[in-house]
Amino acid sequence: MVKGVTYAVYVLPVVFSLIFGSLVLAGILQEPGRELNLMQTGSLEEISKSDKIEIFGLKTQYSTSEPIQIQISINDPSFSCGDLYVTIYPAGNEKSVTQSGYFEQCFDSKNSFLPINEKFSETINAPGNYELVIDMLDKNQKNSITTSVKFTVK
């Protein structure tokens, strides 16, 4: 009697949990666009400085009332579509002053500058040294390219 109760209380829930979890995981992996990636370290191919990203319109020095307006060109065909992030950090600080995200940016010969149909324009009110960081992720969110440029606000 004690063996039957022990079996029902301890062993059966573990077996049912494993079966149920396997069924749920199999169902999720059957959905289009899903994959199982257990080794996420190193899955993003990140380049810290890139000659594949060009920034147009950025000056080395701004006044506190002058807006920072830039356009970006990507020179890598594998990033013709993806998500673009533009972040400004104070030099030596990890807390961003501003970040803009432009999703599903696809460009071709007609639209060679990013962001498409939008405008990056930010004004920084505090004088100091800043770093502009551009990140572009491909449409599958697996690879990224990054570049950064420093500038001053007086």
N, C-alpha and C. Protein backbone atom coordinates (compact mmCIF):
# COMPACT_ATOMS: atom_id res chain seq x y z
N MET A 1 0.81 -1.19 0.00
CA MET A 1 0.00 0.00 0.00
C MET A 1 0.86 1.26 0.00
N VAL A 2 1.93 1.28 0.83
CA VAL A 2 2.78 2.44 0.93
C VAL A 2 3.54 2.64 -0.39
N LYS A 3 3.96 1.52 -1.04
CA LYS A 3 4.66 1.63 -2.31
C LYS A 3 3.77 2.24 -3.38
N GLY A 4 2.49 1.89 -3.41
CA GLY A 4 1.55 2.43 -4.40
C GLY A 4 1.32 3.91 -4.21
N VAL A 5 1.21 4.37 -2.96
CA VAL A 5 1.00 5.79 -2.67
C VAL A 5 2.26 6.58 -3.04
N THR A 6 3.44 6.04 -2.69
CA THR A 6 4.70 6.69 -3.03
C THR A 6 4.85 6.83 -4.53
N TYR A 7 4.51 5.77 -5.24
CA TYR A 7 4.59 5.78 -6.70
C TYR A 7 3.65 6.84 -7.28
N ALA A 8 2.43 6.91 -6.77
CA ALA A 8 1.44 7.86 -7.29
C ALA A 8 1.78 9.30 -6.93
N VAL A 9 2.40 9.52 -5.77
CA VAL A 9 2.68 10.88 -5.33
C VAL A 9 3.98 11.42 -5.91
N TYR A 10 5.01 10.61 -6.05
CA TYR A 10 6.32 11.10 -6.45
C TYR A 10 6.70 10.79 -7.91
N VAL A 11 6.44 9.62 -8.37
CA VAL A 11 6.92 9.20 -9.69
C VAL A 11 5.99 9.64 -10.82
N LEU A 12 4.70 9.42 -10.67
CA LEU A 12 3.76 9.77 -11.74
C LEU A 12 3.77 11.27 -12.10
N PRO A 13 3.81 12.20 -11.14
CA PRO A 13 3.87 13.62 -11.54
C PRO A 13 5.12 13.96 -12.36
N VAL A 14 6.25 13.36 -12.05
CA VAL A 14 7.48 13.62 -12.80
C VAL A 14 7.33 13.09 -14.23
N VAL A 15 6.79 11.91 -14.39
CA VAL A 15 6.60 11.32 -15.71
C VAL A 15 5.63 12.16 -16.53
N PHE A 16 4.50 12.54 -15.93
CA PHE A 16 3.52 13.37 -16.65
C PHE A 16 4.09 14.75 -16.99
N SER A 17 4.90 15.33 -16.12
CA SER A 17 5.52 16.62 -16.41
C SER A 17 6.46 16.54 -17.60
N LEU A 18 7.26 15.48 -17.66
CA LEU A 18 8.17 15.31 -18.78
C LEU A 18 7.41 15.11 -20.09
N ILE A 19 6.36 14.32 -20.06
CA ILE A 19 5.56 14.09 -21.27
C ILE A 19 4.88 15.38 -21.71
N PHE A 20 4.24 16.09 -20.79
CA PHE A 20 3.55 17.33 -21.12
C PHE A 20 4.52 18.39 -21.64
N GLY A 21 5.68 18.54 -20.98
CA GLY A 21 6.68 19.51 -21.42
C GLY A 21 7.21 19.20 -22.81
N SER A 22 7.43 17.92 -23.11
CA SER A 22 7.88 17.52 -24.44
C SER A 22 6.84 17.84 -25.50
N LEU A 23 5.58 17.61 -25.20
CA LEU A 23 4.51 17.91 -26.15
C LEU A 23 4.40 19.42 -26.41
N VAL A 24 4.51 20.22 -25.37
CA VAL A 24 4.44 21.68 -25.53
C VAL A 24 5.63 22.17 -26.35
N LEU A 25 6.83 21.72 -26.06
CA LEU A 25 8.01 22.12 -26.80
C LEU A 25 7.92 21.70 -28.27
N ALA A 26 7.46 20.49 -28.52
CA ALA A 26 7.30 20.03 -29.90
C ALA A 26 6.28 20.88 -30.65
N GLY A 27 5.19 21.25 -29.99
CA GLY A 27 4.19 22.10 -30.63
C GLY A 27 4.72 23.48 -30.95
N ILE A 28 5.51 24.05 -30.06
CA ILE A 28 6.08 25.38 -30.30
C ILE A 28 7.09 25.34 -31.44
N LEU A 29 7.91 24.30 -31.48
CA LEU A 29 8.92 24.20 -32.53
C LEU A 29 8.32 23.92 -33.90
N GLN A 30 7.07 23.50 -33.96
CA GLN A 30 6.41 23.27 -35.25
C GLN A 30 5.93 24.57 -35.88
N GLU A 31 5.84 25.67 -35.11
CA GLU A 31 5.40 26.95 -35.64
C GLU A 31 6.44 27.50 -36.59
N PRO A 32 6.00 28.17 -37.67
CA PRO A 32 6.97 28.73 -38.62
C PRO A 32 7.85 29.80 -37.97
N GLY A 33 9.12 29.79 -38.32
CA GLY A 33 10.04 30.80 -37.81
C GLY A 33 10.61 30.48 -36.44
N ARG A 34 10.26 29.35 -35.85
CA ARG A 34 10.78 28.99 -34.53
C ARG A 34 11.94 28.02 -34.68
N GLU A 35 12.92 28.16 -33.82
CA GLU A 35 14.02 27.23 -33.78
C GLU A 35 14.54 27.12 -32.36
N LEU A 36 15.19 26.04 -32.07
CA LEU A 36 15.75 25.81 -30.75
C LEU A 36 17.23 26.16 -30.79
N ASN A 37 17.64 27.17 -30.03
CA ASN A 37 19.02 27.62 -30.01
C ASN A 37 19.48 27.62 -28.55
N LEU A 38 20.07 26.52 -28.12
CA LEU A 38 20.49 26.41 -26.74
C LEU A 38 21.82 27.11 -26.48
N MET A 39 22.66 27.25 -27.49
CA MET A 39 23.96 27.88 -27.35
C MET A 39 23.89 29.31 -27.86
N GLN A 40 23.43 30.24 -27.03
CA GLN A 40 23.25 31.61 -27.48
C GLN A 40 24.52 32.43 -27.39
N THR A 41 25.52 31.95 -26.71
CA THR A 41 26.77 32.71 -26.67
C THR A 41 27.43 32.61 -28.03
N GLY A 42 27.78 33.74 -28.57
CA GLY A 42 28.42 33.75 -29.87
C GLY A 42 27.46 33.66 -31.04
N SER A 43 26.15 33.70 -30.79
CA SER A 43 25.21 33.58 -31.90
C SER A 43 25.08 34.88 -32.67
N LEU A 44 25.37 36.00 -32.04
CA LEU A 44 25.34 37.27 -32.75
C LEU A 44 26.74 37.57 -33.26
N GLU A 45 26.82 37.78 -34.56
CA GLU A 45 28.10 38.14 -35.15
C GLU A 45 28.22 39.65 -35.06
N GLU A 46 28.90 40.14 -34.06
CA GLU A 46 28.96 41.57 -33.82
C GLU A 46 30.33 42.12 -34.17
N ILE A 47 30.31 43.22 -34.86
CA ILE A 47 31.53 43.89 -35.25
C ILE A 47 31.56 45.23 -34.51
N SER A 48 32.59 45.48 -33.72
CA SER A 48 32.58 46.67 -32.89
C SER A 48 32.76 47.95 -33.72
N LYS A 49 33.63 47.95 -34.64
CA LYS A 49 33.81 49.09 -35.54
C LYS A 49 33.57 48.56 -36.95
N SER A 50 32.82 49.30 -37.73
CA SER A 50 32.46 48.77 -39.02
C SER A 50 32.65 49.80 -40.12
N ASP A 51 33.24 49.35 -41.23
CA ASP A 51 33.29 50.19 -42.42
C ASP A 51 32.06 49.93 -43.27
N LYS A 52 31.17 49.07 -42.79
CA LYS A 52 29.93 48.75 -43.50
C LYS A 52 28.82 49.75 -43.19
N ILE A 53 29.03 50.61 -42.20
CA ILE A 53 28.04 51.62 -41.83
C ILE A 53 28.67 53.00 -42.04
N GLU A 54 27.96 53.84 -42.78
CA GLU A 54 28.41 55.22 -42.96
C GLU A 54 27.37 56.15 -42.34
N ILE A 55 27.85 57.16 -41.63
CA ILE A 55 26.98 58.14 -40.99
C ILE A 55 27.16 59.47 -41.72
N PHE A 56 26.05 60.03 -42.19
CA PHE A 56 26.09 61.29 -42.92
C PHE A 56 25.42 62.38 -42.08
N GLY A 57 26.02 63.56 -42.08
CA GLY A 57 25.42 64.71 -41.41
C GLY A 57 25.86 64.91 -39.98
N LEU A 58 26.70 64.04 -39.44
CA LEU A 58 27.15 64.19 -38.05
C LEU A 58 28.35 65.12 -38.00
N LYS A 59 28.27 66.13 -37.15
CA LYS A 59 29.37 67.06 -36.93
C LYS A 59 30.16 66.60 -35.72
N THR A 60 31.34 67.16 -35.55
CA THR A 60 32.14 66.82 -34.37
C THR A 60 31.76 67.67 -33.17
N GLN A 61 31.05 68.79 -33.41
CA GLN A 61 30.68 69.67 -32.31
C GLN A 61 29.30 70.28 -32.56
N TYR A 62 28.49 70.34 -31.48
CA TYR A 62 27.14 70.90 -31.54
C TYR A 62 26.97 71.88 -30.39
N SER A 63 26.02 72.80 -30.54
CA SER A 63 25.62 73.64 -29.41
C SER A 63 24.44 72.96 -28.72
N THR A 64 24.11 73.41 -27.51
CA THR A 64 23.04 72.74 -26.76
C THR A 64 21.67 72.92 -27.39
N SER A 65 21.50 73.91 -28.25
CA SER A 65 20.19 74.12 -28.88
C SER A 65 20.12 73.57 -30.30
N GLU A 66 21.23 73.03 -30.80
CA GLU A 66 21.29 72.55 -32.18
C GLU A 66 20.92 71.07 -32.24
N PRO A 67 19.96 70.71 -33.10
CA PRO A 67 19.58 69.29 -33.20
C PRO A 67 20.64 68.47 -33.95
N ILE A 68 20.79 67.25 -33.51
CA ILE A 68 21.68 66.29 -34.18
C ILE A 68 20.82 65.56 -35.19
N GLN A 69 21.14 65.74 -36.46
CA GLN A 69 20.37 65.11 -37.54
C GLN A 69 21.32 64.30 -38.38
N ILE A 70 21.04 63.01 -38.52
CA ILE A 70 21.92 62.14 -39.29
C ILE A 70 21.11 61.25 -40.21
N GLN A 71 21.81 60.72 -41.20
CA GLN A 71 21.30 59.65 -42.05
C GLN A 71 22.36 58.57 -42.08
N ILE A 72 21.93 57.35 -42.30
CA ILE A 72 22.83 56.21 -42.22
C ILE A 72 22.76 55.42 -43.52
N SER A 73 23.91 54.94 -43.96
CA SER A 73 23.97 54.08 -45.14
C SER A 73 24.66 52.78 -44.73
N ILE A 74 24.06 51.67 -45.12
CA ILE A 74 24.61 50.34 -44.83
C ILE A 74 25.19 49.78 -46.12
N ASN A 75 26.46 49.39 -46.11
CA ASN A 75 27.14 48.90 -47.30
C ASN A 75 27.32 47.38 -47.28
N ASP A 76 26.36 46.67 -46.72
CA ASP A 76 26.43 45.22 -46.66
C ASP A 76 25.08 44.67 -47.11
N PRO A 77 25.03 43.92 -48.23
CA PRO A 77 23.75 43.44 -48.74
C PRO A 77 23.02 42.48 -47.80
N SER A 78 23.72 41.85 -46.87
CA SER A 78 23.03 40.95 -45.94
C SER A 78 22.21 41.73 -44.91
N PHE A 79 22.40 43.05 -44.84
CA PHE A 79 21.64 43.91 -43.94
C PHE A 79 20.73 44.86 -44.71
N SER A 80 20.23 44.43 -45.88
CA SER A 80 19.34 45.29 -46.66
C SER A 80 17.99 45.46 -45.99
N CYS A 81 17.65 44.57 -45.07
CA CYS A 81 16.44 44.71 -44.25
C CYS A 81 16.81 44.37 -42.81
N GLY A 82 16.19 45.07 -41.89
CA GLY A 82 16.46 44.77 -40.48
C GLY A 82 16.02 45.91 -39.58
N ASP A 83 16.44 45.83 -38.34
CA ASP A 83 16.10 46.82 -37.32
C ASP A 83 17.32 47.70 -37.05
N LEU A 84 17.09 49.00 -37.03
CA LEU A 84 18.15 49.98 -36.82
C LEU A 84 17.94 50.64 -35.47
N TYR A 85 19.02 50.73 -34.68
CA TYR A 85 18.98 51.39 -33.38
C TYR A 85 20.05 52.48 -33.35
N VAL A 86 19.65 53.68 -32.94
CA VAL A 86 20.58 54.80 -32.81
C VAL A 86 20.53 55.23 -31.35
N THR A 87 21.67 55.15 -30.66
CA THR A 87 21.74 55.45 -29.23
C THR A 87 22.84 56.48 -28.98
N ILE A 88 22.56 57.41 -28.09
CA ILE A 88 23.57 58.40 -27.70
C ILE A 88 23.86 58.21 -26.21
N TYR A 89 25.16 58.04 -25.89
CA TYR A 89 25.63 57.86 -24.52
C TYR A 89 26.55 59.02 -24.16
N PRO A 90 26.53 59.44 -22.89
CA PRO A 90 27.59 60.35 -22.44
C PRO A 90 28.91 59.56 -22.44
N ALA A 91 30.00 60.18 -22.82
CA ALA A 91 31.29 59.49 -22.89
C ALA A 91 31.64 58.89 -21.53
N GLY A 92 31.98 57.61 -21.52
CA GLY A 92 32.36 56.93 -20.29
C GLY A 92 31.20 56.50 -19.42
N ASN A 93 29.97 56.57 -19.92
CA ASN A 93 28.80 56.21 -19.13
C ASN A 93 27.96 55.21 -19.92
N GLU A 94 27.40 54.22 -19.25
CA GLU A 94 26.61 53.21 -19.92
C GLU A 94 25.12 53.56 -19.99
N LYS A 95 24.70 54.61 -19.31
CA LYS A 95 23.30 55.01 -19.32
C LYS A 95 23.06 55.94 -20.50
N SER A 96 22.15 55.56 -21.38
CA SER A 96 21.93 56.33 -22.60
C SER A 96 21.17 57.63 -22.34
N VAL A 97 21.46 58.63 -23.15
CA VAL A 97 20.74 59.89 -23.11
C VAL A 97 19.46 59.75 -23.95
N THR A 98 19.58 59.09 -25.10
CA THR A 98 18.45 58.88 -25.98
C THR A 98 18.69 57.64 -26.83
N GLN A 99 17.61 56.96 -27.19
CA GLN A 99 17.70 55.82 -28.09
C GLN A 99 16.49 55.83 -29.00
N SER A 100 16.74 55.62 -30.28
CA SER A 100 15.67 55.54 -31.26
C SER A 100 15.77 54.20 -31.97
N GLY A 101 14.64 53.56 -32.17
CA GLY A 101 14.59 52.29 -32.89
C GLY A 101 13.74 52.44 -34.14
N TYR A 102 14.25 51.95 -35.23
CA TYR A 102 13.55 51.98 -36.51
C TYR A 102 13.44 50.54 -36.99
N PHE A 103 12.24 50.01 -36.96
CA PHE A 103 12.03 48.59 -37.22
C PHE A 103 11.67 48.34 -38.68
N GLU A 104 12.07 47.16 -39.15
CA GLU A 104 11.79 46.69 -40.51
C GLU A 104 12.21 47.72 -41.55
N GLN A 105 13.45 48.16 -41.44
CA GLN A 105 14.02 49.10 -42.40
C GLN A 105 14.58 48.31 -43.58
N CYS A 106 13.99 48.49 -44.75
CA CYS A 106 14.47 47.83 -45.97
C CYS A 106 14.80 48.92 -46.98
N PHE A 107 16.00 48.86 -47.51
CA PHE A 107 16.40 49.88 -48.46
C PHE A 107 16.83 49.24 -49.78
N ASP A 108 16.75 50.04 -50.83
CA ASP A 108 17.16 49.62 -52.16
C ASP A 108 17.80 50.81 -52.86
N SER A 109 17.87 50.78 -54.18
CA SER A 109 18.53 51.87 -54.90
C SER A 109 17.77 53.19 -54.76
N LYS A 110 16.44 53.14 -54.56
CA LYS A 110 15.66 54.37 -54.38
C LYS A 110 15.84 54.93 -52.97
N ASN A 111 15.85 54.07 -51.98
CA ASN A 111 15.98 54.46 -50.58
C ASN A 111 17.31 53.95 -50.04
N SER A 112 18.37 54.70 -50.27
CA SER A 112 19.68 54.21 -49.85
C SER A 112 20.09 54.70 -48.47
N PHE A 113 19.33 55.65 -47.89
CA PHE A 113 19.66 56.16 -46.57
C PHE A 113 18.61 55.72 -45.55
N LEU A 114 19.08 55.45 -44.34
CA LEU A 114 18.20 55.07 -43.24
C LEU A 114 18.15 56.21 -42.24
N PRO A 115 17.15 56.36 -41.45
CA PRO A 115 15.89 55.63 -41.47
C PRO A 115 15.00 56.07 -42.64
N ILE A 116 14.27 55.12 -43.18
CA ILE A 116 13.41 55.36 -44.34
C ILE A 116 12.09 55.93 -43.86
N ASN A 117 11.65 57.00 -44.52
CA ASN A 117 10.38 57.69 -44.22
C ASN A 117 10.32 58.23 -42.79
N GLU A 118 11.46 58.35 -42.15
CA GLU A 118 11.53 58.91 -40.80
C GLU A 118 12.79 59.77 -40.72
N LYS A 119 12.92 60.50 -39.63
CA LYS A 119 14.05 61.41 -39.48
C LYS A 119 14.63 61.26 -38.08
N PHE A 120 15.94 61.06 -37.99
CA PHE A 120 16.59 61.06 -36.69
C PHE A 120 16.99 62.50 -36.38
N SER A 121 16.43 63.05 -35.33
CA SER A 121 16.73 64.41 -34.91
C SER A 121 16.58 64.48 -33.40
N GLU A 122 17.69 64.68 -32.72
CA GLU A 122 17.70 64.77 -31.26
C GLU A 122 18.50 65.99 -30.83
N THR A 123 18.04 66.64 -29.78
CA THR A 123 18.77 67.77 -29.21
C THR A 123 19.23 67.39 -27.81
N ILE A 124 20.51 67.61 -27.53
CA ILE A 124 21.07 67.31 -26.22
C ILE A 124 21.29 68.64 -25.51
N ASN A 125 20.69 68.77 -24.33
CA ASN A 125 20.72 70.04 -23.60
C ASN A 125 21.92 70.20 -22.68
N ALA A 126 22.60 69.13 -22.34
CA ALA A 126 23.73 69.21 -21.39
C ALA A 126 25.05 69.18 -22.15
N PRO A 127 25.92 70.14 -21.91
CA PRO A 127 27.24 70.13 -22.57
C PRO A 127 28.07 68.93 -22.10
N GLY A 128 28.92 68.45 -22.99
CA GLY A 128 29.80 67.33 -22.64
C GLY A 128 30.21 66.55 -23.87
N ASN A 129 30.93 65.46 -23.63
CA ASN A 129 31.36 64.55 -24.69
C ASN A 129 30.38 63.40 -24.77
N TYR A 130 30.01 63.03 -25.99
CA TYR A 130 29.01 61.99 -26.20
C TYR A 130 29.49 61.00 -27.26
N GLU A 131 28.85 59.84 -27.25
CA GLU A 131 29.15 58.80 -28.23
C GLU A 131 27.84 58.37 -28.89
N LEU A 132 27.82 58.39 -30.21
CA LEU A 132 26.68 57.95 -31.00
C LEU A 132 26.96 56.52 -31.45
N VAL A 133 26.07 55.59 -31.11
CA VAL A 133 26.25 54.18 -31.45
C VAL A 133 25.13 53.76 -32.40
N ILE A 134 25.51 53.18 -33.53
CA ILE A 134 24.56 52.67 -34.53
C ILE A 134 24.64 51.15 -34.51
N ASP A 135 23.49 50.50 -34.33
CA ASP A 135 23.38 49.04 -34.38
C ASP A 135 22.37 48.67 -35.45
N MET A 136 22.74 47.74 -36.31
CA MET A 136 21.81 47.23 -37.33
C MET A 136 21.75 45.72 -37.19
N LEU A 137 20.54 45.19 -36.95
CA LEU A 137 20.32 43.76 -36.87
C LEU A 137 19.66 43.31 -38.15
N ASP A 138 20.05 42.13 -38.67
CA ASP A 138 19.43 41.65 -39.90
C ASP A 138 17.99 41.23 -39.62
N LYS A 139 17.25 40.92 -40.68
CA LYS A 139 15.82 40.65 -40.52
C LYS A 139 15.54 39.39 -39.71
N ASN A 140 16.51 38.49 -39.58
CA ASN A 140 16.33 37.28 -38.77
C ASN A 140 16.78 37.48 -37.33
N GLN A 141 17.28 38.67 -37.00
CA GLN A 141 17.76 39.00 -35.65
C GLN A 141 18.90 38.09 -35.20
N LYS A 142 19.73 37.61 -36.14
CA LYS A 142 20.82 36.72 -35.79
C LYS A 142 22.18 37.40 -35.90
N ASN A 143 22.33 38.33 -36.82
CA ASN A 143 23.61 39.00 -37.03
C ASN A 143 23.43 40.50 -36.83
N SER A 144 24.49 41.15 -36.41
CA SER A 144 24.42 42.59 -36.24
C SER A 144 25.74 43.23 -36.63
N ILE A 145 25.66 44.49 -37.01
CA ILE A 145 26.86 45.29 -37.23
C ILE A 145 26.71 46.56 -36.41
N THR A 146 27.81 47.06 -35.92
CA THR A 146 27.80 48.20 -35.01
C THR A 146 28.94 49.14 -35.35
N THR A 147 28.68 50.42 -35.17
CA THR A 147 29.74 51.41 -35.25
C THR A 147 29.43 52.52 -34.26
N SER A 148 30.44 53.28 -33.89
CA SER A 148 30.24 54.39 -32.96
C SER A 148 31.14 55.55 -33.34
N VAL A 149 30.66 56.75 -33.02
CA VAL A 149 31.38 57.99 -33.31
C VAL A 149 31.23 58.91 -32.11
N LYS A 150 32.29 59.64 -31.78
CA LYS A 150 32.24 60.57 -30.65
C LYS A 150 32.05 61.99 -31.16
N PHE A 151 31.34 62.79 -30.36
CA PHE A 151 31.14 64.20 -30.68
C PHE A 151 30.99 64.99 -29.39
N THR A 152 31.00 66.31 -29.50
CA THR A 152 30.96 67.19 -28.33
C THR A 152 29.77 68.13 -28.42
N VAL A 153 29.15 68.40 -27.27
CA VAL A 153 28.09 69.39 -27.17
C VAL A 153 28.61 70.48 -26.24
N LYS A 154 28.57 71.74 -26.74
CA LYS A 154 29.06 72.87 -25.92
C LYS A 154 27.95 73.84 -25.65
